[in-house]
Amino acid sequence: MPEEKRRHWRFSAKRNVCATFSEPNGIGFQKVGQILDMGMGGMSLRYVSEEEAFPPGGEVLVELFGITSPFITTGRICCTVIYDHPLSDFPGGYLKLRRCGLQFRRLSQLQSYNIGHFIETFSLEEDEESLPRTGVRD
């Protein structure tokens, strides 16, 4: 089993938690994905795309938000792509369901606070229905 290298715990996200993400230069469409898990060091999400994967090591800008009350957003955060791979193809072959892992970069004090508040508000409690808990560190 590989050695755990994450420094921060990851928490499973409630089902109503999403993120927008795009390339920092603004080229291409902004995508929306469902956050699967999150921590102070990064997050993973799944999204639908007809385009190729974001390259590992590349940068993206993300903004985390909940789609129900309370409406909280983190503002735009610079991230490094750790992985981006297909989970499945949709019929017709044009769209793919993808999973992407992102690491937060260059966080200001305000961004760190916003991410912590977001995690506190939108992470699942032990007894809530959830996607499987990761129990791993960021």
N, C-alpha and C. Protein backbone atom coordinates (compact mmCIF):
# COMPACT_ATOMS: atom_id res chain seq x y z
N MET A 1 0.84 -1.17 0.00
CA MET A 1 0.00 0.00 0.00
C MET A 1 0.89 1.24 0.00
N PRO A 2 0.60 2.26 -0.86
CA PRO A 2 1.45 3.44 -0.92
C PRO A 2 1.41 4.24 0.37
N GLU A 3 2.54 4.87 0.68
CA GLU A 3 2.63 5.71 1.87
C GLU A 3 1.78 6.96 1.69
N GLU A 4 1.04 7.34 2.73
CA GLU A 4 0.20 8.52 2.69
C GLU A 4 1.07 9.77 2.76
N LYS A 5 0.93 10.68 1.78
CA LYS A 5 1.76 11.88 1.71
C LYS A 5 0.98 13.16 2.00
N ARG A 6 -0.30 13.08 2.18
CA ARG A 6 -1.10 14.28 2.42
C ARG A 6 -0.85 14.82 3.81
N ARG A 7 -0.83 16.14 3.94
CA ARG A 7 -0.61 16.79 5.22
C ARG A 7 -1.91 17.17 5.90
N HIS A 8 -3.00 17.31 5.15
CA HIS A 8 -4.29 17.75 5.68
C HIS A 8 -5.34 16.67 5.46
N TRP A 9 -6.24 16.53 6.43
CA TRP A 9 -7.33 15.57 6.29
C TRP A 9 -8.28 16.01 5.19
N ARG A 10 -8.86 15.03 4.51
CA ARG A 10 -9.91 15.26 3.52
C ARG A 10 -11.24 14.89 4.15
N PHE A 11 -12.28 15.64 3.78
CA PHE A 11 -13.63 15.39 4.28
C PHE A 11 -14.56 15.20 3.11
N SER A 12 -15.46 14.21 3.21
CA SER A 12 -16.45 14.02 2.16
C SER A 12 -17.37 15.22 2.11
N ALA A 13 -17.77 15.58 0.90
CA ALA A 13 -18.62 16.76 0.70
C ALA A 13 -20.08 16.36 0.63
N LYS A 14 -20.93 17.27 1.09
CA LYS A 14 -22.37 17.08 0.91
C LYS A 14 -22.66 17.05 -0.59
N ARG A 15 -23.79 16.52 -0.95
CA ARG A 15 -24.13 16.36 -2.37
C ARG A 15 -24.41 17.67 -3.10
N ASN A 16 -24.67 18.74 -2.38
CA ASN A 16 -25.04 20.01 -3.00
C ASN A 16 -23.87 20.99 -3.07
N VAL A 17 -22.65 20.46 -3.21
CA VAL A 17 -21.46 21.29 -3.21
C VAL A 17 -20.75 21.16 -4.56
N CYS A 18 -20.48 22.31 -5.16
CA CYS A 18 -19.90 22.32 -6.51
C CYS A 18 -18.70 23.26 -6.59
N ALA A 19 -18.04 23.21 -7.73
CA ALA A 19 -16.95 24.14 -8.00
C ALA A 19 -16.96 24.46 -9.49
N THR A 20 -16.63 25.70 -9.80
CA THR A 20 -16.36 26.05 -11.19
C THR A 20 -14.85 26.03 -11.34
N PHE A 21 -14.37 25.69 -12.52
CA PHE A 21 -12.94 25.73 -12.75
C PHE A 21 -12.65 25.99 -14.22
N SER A 22 -11.54 26.67 -14.45
CA SER A 22 -11.15 27.05 -15.80
C SER A 22 -9.65 27.29 -15.84
N GLU A 23 -9.12 27.40 -17.04
CA GLU A 23 -7.71 27.71 -17.19
C GLU A 23 -7.48 29.16 -16.76
N PRO A 24 -6.32 29.46 -16.15
CA PRO A 24 -6.07 30.81 -15.65
C PRO A 24 -6.06 31.88 -16.73
N ASN A 25 -5.73 31.51 -17.96
CA ASN A 25 -5.67 32.51 -19.03
C ASN A 25 -7.04 32.84 -19.60
N GLY A 26 -8.09 32.17 -19.13
CA GLY A 26 -9.44 32.47 -19.58
C GLY A 26 -9.81 31.84 -20.91
N ILE A 27 -8.90 31.07 -21.51
CA ILE A 27 -9.20 30.40 -22.77
C ILE A 27 -9.99 29.14 -22.46
N GLY A 28 -11.01 28.88 -23.26
CA GLY A 28 -11.83 27.70 -23.04
C GLY A 28 -13.01 28.01 -22.13
N PHE A 29 -13.90 27.06 -22.04
CA PHE A 29 -15.11 27.24 -21.25
C PHE A 29 -14.85 26.97 -19.79
N GLN A 30 -15.62 27.64 -18.95
CA GLN A 30 -15.60 27.35 -17.53
C GLN A 30 -16.42 26.09 -17.32
N LYS A 31 -15.93 25.19 -16.52
CA LYS A 31 -16.62 23.93 -16.24
C LYS A 31 -17.19 23.98 -14.83
N VAL A 32 -18.20 23.15 -14.58
CA VAL A 32 -18.78 23.01 -13.26
C VAL A 32 -18.70 21.54 -12.89
N GLY A 33 -18.26 21.27 -11.66
CA GLY A 33 -18.17 19.90 -11.20
C GLY A 33 -18.71 19.75 -9.80
N GLN A 34 -19.01 18.51 -9.43
CA GLN A 34 -19.48 18.19 -8.08
C GLN A 34 -18.26 17.84 -7.23
N ILE A 35 -18.10 18.52 -6.09
CA ILE A 35 -16.99 18.24 -5.19
C ILE A 35 -17.26 16.92 -4.48
N LEU A 36 -16.27 16.02 -4.51
CA LEU A 36 -16.38 14.72 -3.85
C LEU A 36 -15.80 14.75 -2.45
N ASP A 37 -14.60 15.32 -2.33
CA ASP A 37 -14.00 15.49 -1.03
C ASP A 37 -13.12 16.73 -1.06
N MET A 38 -12.81 17.26 0.14
CA MET A 38 -12.08 18.52 0.20
C MET A 38 -11.33 18.60 1.52
N GLY A 39 -10.26 19.36 1.51
CA GLY A 39 -9.46 19.59 2.69
C GLY A 39 -8.72 20.92 2.51
N MET A 40 -7.94 21.30 3.48
CA MET A 40 -7.22 22.57 3.40
C MET A 40 -6.13 22.55 2.33
N GLY A 41 -5.75 21.39 1.86
CA GLY A 41 -4.71 21.31 0.84
C GLY A 41 -5.22 21.13 -0.56
N GLY A 42 -6.49 20.74 -0.73
CA GLY A 42 -7.01 20.52 -2.07
C GLY A 42 -8.36 19.83 -2.06
N MET A 43 -8.75 19.30 -3.21
CA MET A 43 -10.07 18.68 -3.35
C MET A 43 -10.09 17.76 -4.56
N SER A 44 -11.11 16.94 -4.63
CA SER A 44 -11.37 16.18 -5.85
C SER A 44 -12.80 16.44 -6.27
N LEU A 45 -13.04 16.38 -7.57
CA LEU A 45 -14.38 16.60 -8.09
C LEU A 45 -14.60 15.77 -9.33
N ARG A 46 -15.86 15.61 -9.67
CA ARG A 46 -16.19 14.94 -10.94
C ARG A 46 -16.98 15.91 -11.78
N TYR A 47 -16.77 15.79 -13.09
CA TYR A 47 -17.42 16.70 -14.03
C TYR A 47 -17.60 16.01 -15.36
N VAL A 48 -18.43 16.58 -16.21
CA VAL A 48 -18.69 16.06 -17.55
C VAL A 48 -18.01 16.98 -18.54
N SER A 49 -17.31 16.38 -19.52
CA SER A 49 -16.61 17.19 -20.50
C SER A 49 -16.49 16.44 -21.82
N GLU A 50 -16.45 17.20 -22.89
CA GLU A 50 -16.16 16.61 -24.20
C GLU A 50 -14.71 16.87 -24.59
N GLU A 51 -14.02 17.63 -23.77
CA GLU A 51 -12.63 17.99 -24.05
C GLU A 51 -11.68 17.01 -23.40
N GLU A 52 -10.40 17.14 -23.74
CA GLU A 52 -9.36 16.31 -23.15
C GLU A 52 -9.14 16.71 -21.70
N ALA A 53 -8.38 15.89 -20.99
CA ALA A 53 -8.08 16.12 -19.59
C ALA A 53 -7.21 17.35 -19.40
N PHE A 54 -7.32 17.95 -18.21
CA PHE A 54 -6.36 18.97 -17.82
C PHE A 54 -5.04 18.24 -17.56
N PRO A 55 -3.93 18.76 -18.03
CA PRO A 55 -2.65 18.04 -17.84
C PRO A 55 -2.18 18.12 -16.39
N PRO A 56 -1.66 17.01 -15.84
CA PRO A 56 -1.09 17.04 -14.49
C PRO A 56 0.01 18.10 -14.42
N GLY A 57 0.02 18.86 -13.33
CA GLY A 57 0.98 19.93 -13.17
C GLY A 57 0.49 21.26 -13.71
N GLY A 58 -0.59 21.24 -14.51
CA GLY A 58 -1.15 22.48 -15.05
C GLY A 58 -1.90 23.25 -13.98
N GLU A 59 -2.18 24.51 -14.26
CA GLU A 59 -2.91 25.34 -13.32
C GLU A 59 -4.34 25.56 -13.77
N VAL A 60 -5.25 25.64 -12.80
CA VAL A 60 -6.64 26.02 -13.04
C VAL A 60 -7.06 26.97 -11.92
N LEU A 61 -8.09 27.74 -12.20
CA LEU A 61 -8.72 28.58 -11.18
C LEU A 61 -10.04 27.94 -10.79
N VAL A 62 -10.28 27.81 -9.49
CA VAL A 62 -11.53 27.21 -9.02
C VAL A 62 -12.24 28.18 -8.08
N GLU A 63 -13.54 27.98 -7.98
CA GLU A 63 -14.35 28.69 -6.99
C GLU A 63 -15.35 27.68 -6.44
N LEU A 64 -15.30 27.44 -5.15
CA LEU A 64 -16.17 26.48 -4.50
C LEU A 64 -17.45 27.19 -4.05
N PHE A 65 -18.58 26.49 -4.18
CA PHE A 65 -19.85 27.08 -3.74
C PHE A 65 -20.86 25.99 -3.43
N GLY A 66 -21.80 26.31 -2.55
CA GLY A 66 -22.91 25.43 -2.25
C GLY A 66 -24.12 25.88 -3.06
N ILE A 67 -24.95 24.93 -3.47
CA ILE A 67 -26.11 25.30 -4.29
C ILE A 67 -27.39 25.43 -3.46
N THR A 68 -27.26 25.32 -2.14
CA THR A 68 -28.39 25.55 -1.25
C THR A 68 -27.98 26.55 -0.18
N SER A 69 -28.92 26.96 0.61
CA SER A 69 -28.64 27.92 1.68
C SER A 69 -27.82 27.23 2.77
N PRO A 70 -26.86 27.85 3.40
CA PRO A 70 -26.43 29.22 3.15
C PRO A 70 -25.55 29.29 1.91
N PHE A 71 -25.66 30.39 1.18
CA PHE A 71 -24.83 30.55 -0.01
C PHE A 71 -23.47 31.06 0.43
N ILE A 72 -22.47 30.22 0.27
CA ILE A 72 -21.09 30.55 0.63
C ILE A 72 -20.22 30.25 -0.57
N THR A 73 -19.28 31.12 -0.85
CA THR A 73 -18.31 30.88 -1.91
C THR A 73 -16.92 31.20 -1.38
N THR A 74 -15.93 30.60 -1.98
CA THR A 74 -14.56 30.81 -1.53
C THR A 74 -13.84 31.90 -2.29
N GLY A 75 -14.41 32.39 -3.38
CA GLY A 75 -13.66 33.25 -4.28
C GLY A 75 -12.76 32.38 -5.14
N ARG A 76 -12.10 32.99 -6.10
CA ARG A 76 -11.26 32.22 -7.03
C ARG A 76 -9.94 31.83 -6.37
N ILE A 77 -9.57 30.56 -6.56
CA ILE A 77 -8.37 30.00 -5.95
C ILE A 77 -7.53 29.33 -7.04
N CYS A 78 -6.25 29.59 -7.03
CA CYS A 78 -5.33 28.95 -7.97
C CYS A 78 -5.02 27.54 -7.48
N CYS A 79 -5.07 26.56 -8.40
CA CYS A 79 -4.81 25.16 -8.06
C CYS A 79 -3.89 24.53 -9.09
N THR A 80 -3.20 23.48 -8.66
CA THR A 80 -2.41 22.63 -9.54
C THR A 80 -3.20 21.35 -9.77
N VAL A 81 -3.27 20.91 -11.02
CA VAL A 81 -3.94 19.64 -11.35
C VAL A 81 -3.01 18.50 -10.95
N ILE A 82 -3.49 17.61 -10.10
CA ILE A 82 -2.73 16.43 -9.70
C ILE A 82 -3.05 15.26 -10.62
N TYR A 83 -4.31 15.08 -10.92
CA TYR A 83 -4.73 14.05 -11.89
C TYR A 83 -6.05 14.47 -12.50
N ASP A 84 -6.35 13.94 -13.67
CA ASP A 84 -7.63 14.15 -14.34
C ASP A 84 -7.82 12.96 -15.27
N HIS A 85 -8.72 12.06 -14.91
CA HIS A 85 -8.90 10.86 -15.72
C HIS A 85 -10.38 10.54 -15.92
N PRO A 86 -10.69 9.83 -17.01
CA PRO A 86 -12.09 9.50 -17.29
C PRO A 86 -12.60 8.42 -16.34
N LEU A 87 -13.87 8.55 -15.95
CA LEU A 87 -14.54 7.53 -15.16
C LEU A 87 -15.40 6.66 -16.06
N SER A 88 -16.07 7.29 -17.05
CA SER A 88 -16.91 6.53 -17.99
C SER A 88 -17.26 7.42 -19.18
N ASP A 89 -17.66 6.77 -20.25
CA ASP A 89 -18.12 7.46 -21.45
C ASP A 89 -19.64 7.46 -21.46
N PHE A 90 -20.21 8.54 -22.00
CA PHE A 90 -21.65 8.58 -22.21
C PHE A 90 -21.95 7.98 -23.58
N PRO A 91 -23.16 7.46 -23.80
CA PRO A 91 -23.51 6.91 -25.12
C PRO A 91 -23.24 7.94 -26.21
N GLY A 92 -22.70 7.49 -27.32
CA GLY A 92 -22.36 8.38 -28.42
C GLY A 92 -20.90 8.78 -28.40
N GLY A 93 -20.25 8.66 -27.25
CA GLY A 93 -18.82 8.88 -27.16
C GLY A 93 -18.35 10.32 -27.12
N TYR A 94 -19.26 11.31 -27.12
CA TYR A 94 -18.82 12.71 -27.13
C TYR A 94 -18.46 13.21 -25.74
N LEU A 95 -19.19 12.76 -24.75
CA LEU A 95 -18.99 13.25 -23.39
C LEU A 95 -18.35 12.18 -22.51
N LYS A 96 -17.54 12.63 -21.58
CA LYS A 96 -16.93 11.73 -20.62
C LYS A 96 -17.19 12.27 -19.21
N LEU A 97 -17.46 11.35 -18.29
CA LEU A 97 -17.50 11.70 -16.88
C LEU A 97 -16.07 11.56 -16.40
N ARG A 98 -15.53 12.63 -15.79
CA ARG A 98 -14.12 12.67 -15.40
C ARG A 98 -14.00 12.92 -13.90
N ARG A 99 -12.88 12.52 -13.34
CA ARG A 99 -12.54 12.84 -11.94
C ARG A 99 -11.22 13.58 -11.97
N CYS A 100 -11.17 14.68 -11.20
CA CYS A 100 -10.01 15.56 -11.20
C CYS A 100 -9.59 15.83 -9.75
N GLY A 101 -8.31 15.71 -9.48
CA GLY A 101 -7.75 16.05 -8.17
C GLY A 101 -6.96 17.34 -8.26
N LEU A 102 -7.21 18.26 -7.35
CA LEU A 102 -6.58 19.57 -7.39
C LEU A 102 -5.91 19.89 -6.06
N GLN A 103 -4.76 20.55 -6.12
CA GLN A 103 -4.05 21.01 -4.93
C GLN A 103 -4.08 22.53 -4.92
N PHE A 104 -4.52 23.11 -3.79
CA PHE A 104 -4.55 24.57 -3.67
C PHE A 104 -3.13 25.12 -3.66
N ARG A 105 -2.95 26.30 -4.26
CA ARG A 105 -1.65 26.96 -4.33
C ARG A 105 -1.75 28.41 -3.89
N ARG A 106 -0.69 28.90 -3.31
CA ARG A 106 -0.56 30.32 -2.99
C ARG A 106 -1.79 30.89 -2.29
N LEU A 107 -2.20 30.28 -1.21
CA LEU A 107 -3.40 30.76 -0.50
C LEU A 107 -3.07 31.97 0.36
N SER A 108 -3.91 32.97 0.26
CA SER A 108 -3.81 34.12 1.18
C SER A 108 -4.49 33.72 2.49
N GLN A 109 -4.32 34.55 3.52
CA GLN A 109 -5.00 34.29 4.79
C GLN A 109 -6.51 34.26 4.61
N LEU A 110 -7.04 35.18 3.80
CA LEU A 110 -8.48 35.22 3.56
C LEU A 110 -8.95 33.96 2.83
N GLN A 111 -8.20 33.51 1.83
CA GLN A 111 -8.58 32.28 1.12
C GLN A 111 -8.56 31.08 2.06
N SER A 112 -7.53 30.99 2.90
CA SER A 112 -7.46 29.88 3.87
C SER A 112 -8.66 29.91 4.81
N TYR A 113 -9.02 31.09 5.29
CA TYR A 113 -10.18 31.22 6.16
C TYR A 113 -11.45 30.78 5.42
N ASN A 114 -11.63 31.29 4.19
CA ASN A 114 -12.82 30.95 3.41
C ASN A 114 -12.93 29.46 3.14
N ILE A 115 -11.81 28.82 2.82
CA ILE A 115 -11.82 27.37 2.58
C ILE A 115 -12.18 26.63 3.87
N GLY A 116 -11.58 27.02 4.99
CA GLY A 116 -11.90 26.38 6.27
C GLY A 116 -13.36 26.51 6.64
N HIS A 117 -13.92 27.70 6.45
CA HIS A 117 -15.34 27.93 6.73
C HIS A 117 -16.21 27.10 5.79
N PHE A 118 -15.83 27.03 4.53
CA PHE A 118 -16.56 26.25 3.54
C PHE A 118 -16.57 24.77 3.93
N ILE A 119 -15.41 24.24 4.30
CA ILE A 119 -15.32 22.83 4.70
C ILE A 119 -16.18 22.58 5.93
N GLU A 120 -16.11 23.45 6.90
CA GLU A 120 -16.91 23.31 8.12
C GLU A 120 -18.41 23.29 7.81
N THR A 121 -18.83 24.10 6.84
CA THR A 121 -20.25 24.20 6.49
C THR A 121 -20.72 23.05 5.61
N PHE A 122 -19.89 22.60 4.68
CA PHE A 122 -20.35 21.67 3.66
C PHE A 122 -19.73 20.28 3.70
N SER A 123 -19.01 19.94 4.76
CA SER A 123 -18.53 18.56 4.87
C SER A 123 -19.58 17.74 5.62
N LEU A 124 -19.56 16.45 5.39
CA LEU A 124 -20.55 15.57 5.98
C LEU A 124 -20.19 15.19 7.40
N GLU A 125 -21.20 15.02 8.21
CA GLU A 125 -21.03 14.47 9.54
C GLU A 125 -20.95 12.95 9.39
N GLU A 126 -20.44 12.28 10.41
CA GLU A 126 -20.27 10.83 10.38
C GLU A 126 -21.56 10.08 10.05
N ASP A 127 -22.71 10.57 10.56
CA ASP A 127 -23.96 9.83 10.40
C ASP A 127 -24.78 10.26 9.19
N GLU A 128 -24.31 11.23 8.41
CA GLU A 128 -25.05 11.67 7.24
C GLU A 128 -24.82 10.73 6.07
N GLU A 129 -25.85 10.64 5.20
CA GLU A 129 -25.71 9.84 3.98
C GLU A 129 -24.65 10.53 3.11
N SER A 130 -23.74 9.75 2.59
CA SER A 130 -22.63 10.38 1.89
C SER A 130 -22.07 9.52 0.79
N LEU A 131 -21.22 10.16 0.04
CA LEU A 131 -20.30 9.42 -0.79
C LEU A 131 -19.34 8.78 0.21
N PRO A 132 -18.66 7.72 -0.15
CA PRO A 132 -17.77 7.09 0.84
C PRO A 132 -16.75 8.08 1.39
N ARG A 133 -16.53 8.03 2.70
CA ARG A 133 -15.52 8.90 3.33
C ARG A 133 -14.14 8.47 2.87
N THR A 134 -13.29 9.44 2.68
CA THR A 134 -11.95 9.12 2.21
C THR A 134 -11.03 8.73 3.37
N GLY A 135 -11.15 9.43 4.50
CA GLY A 135 -10.30 9.13 5.63
C GLY A 135 -8.82 9.27 5.33
N VAL A 136 -8.49 10.11 4.36
CA VAL A 136 -7.10 10.30 4.00
C VAL A 136 -6.72 11.75 4.19
N ARG A 137 -5.44 12.02 4.09
CA ARG A 137 -4.97 13.38 4.26
C ARG A 137 -4.65 14.01 2.94
N ASP A 138 -4.76 15.33 2.88
CA ASP A 138 -4.42 16.14 1.71
C ASP A 138 -2.94 16.22 1.55
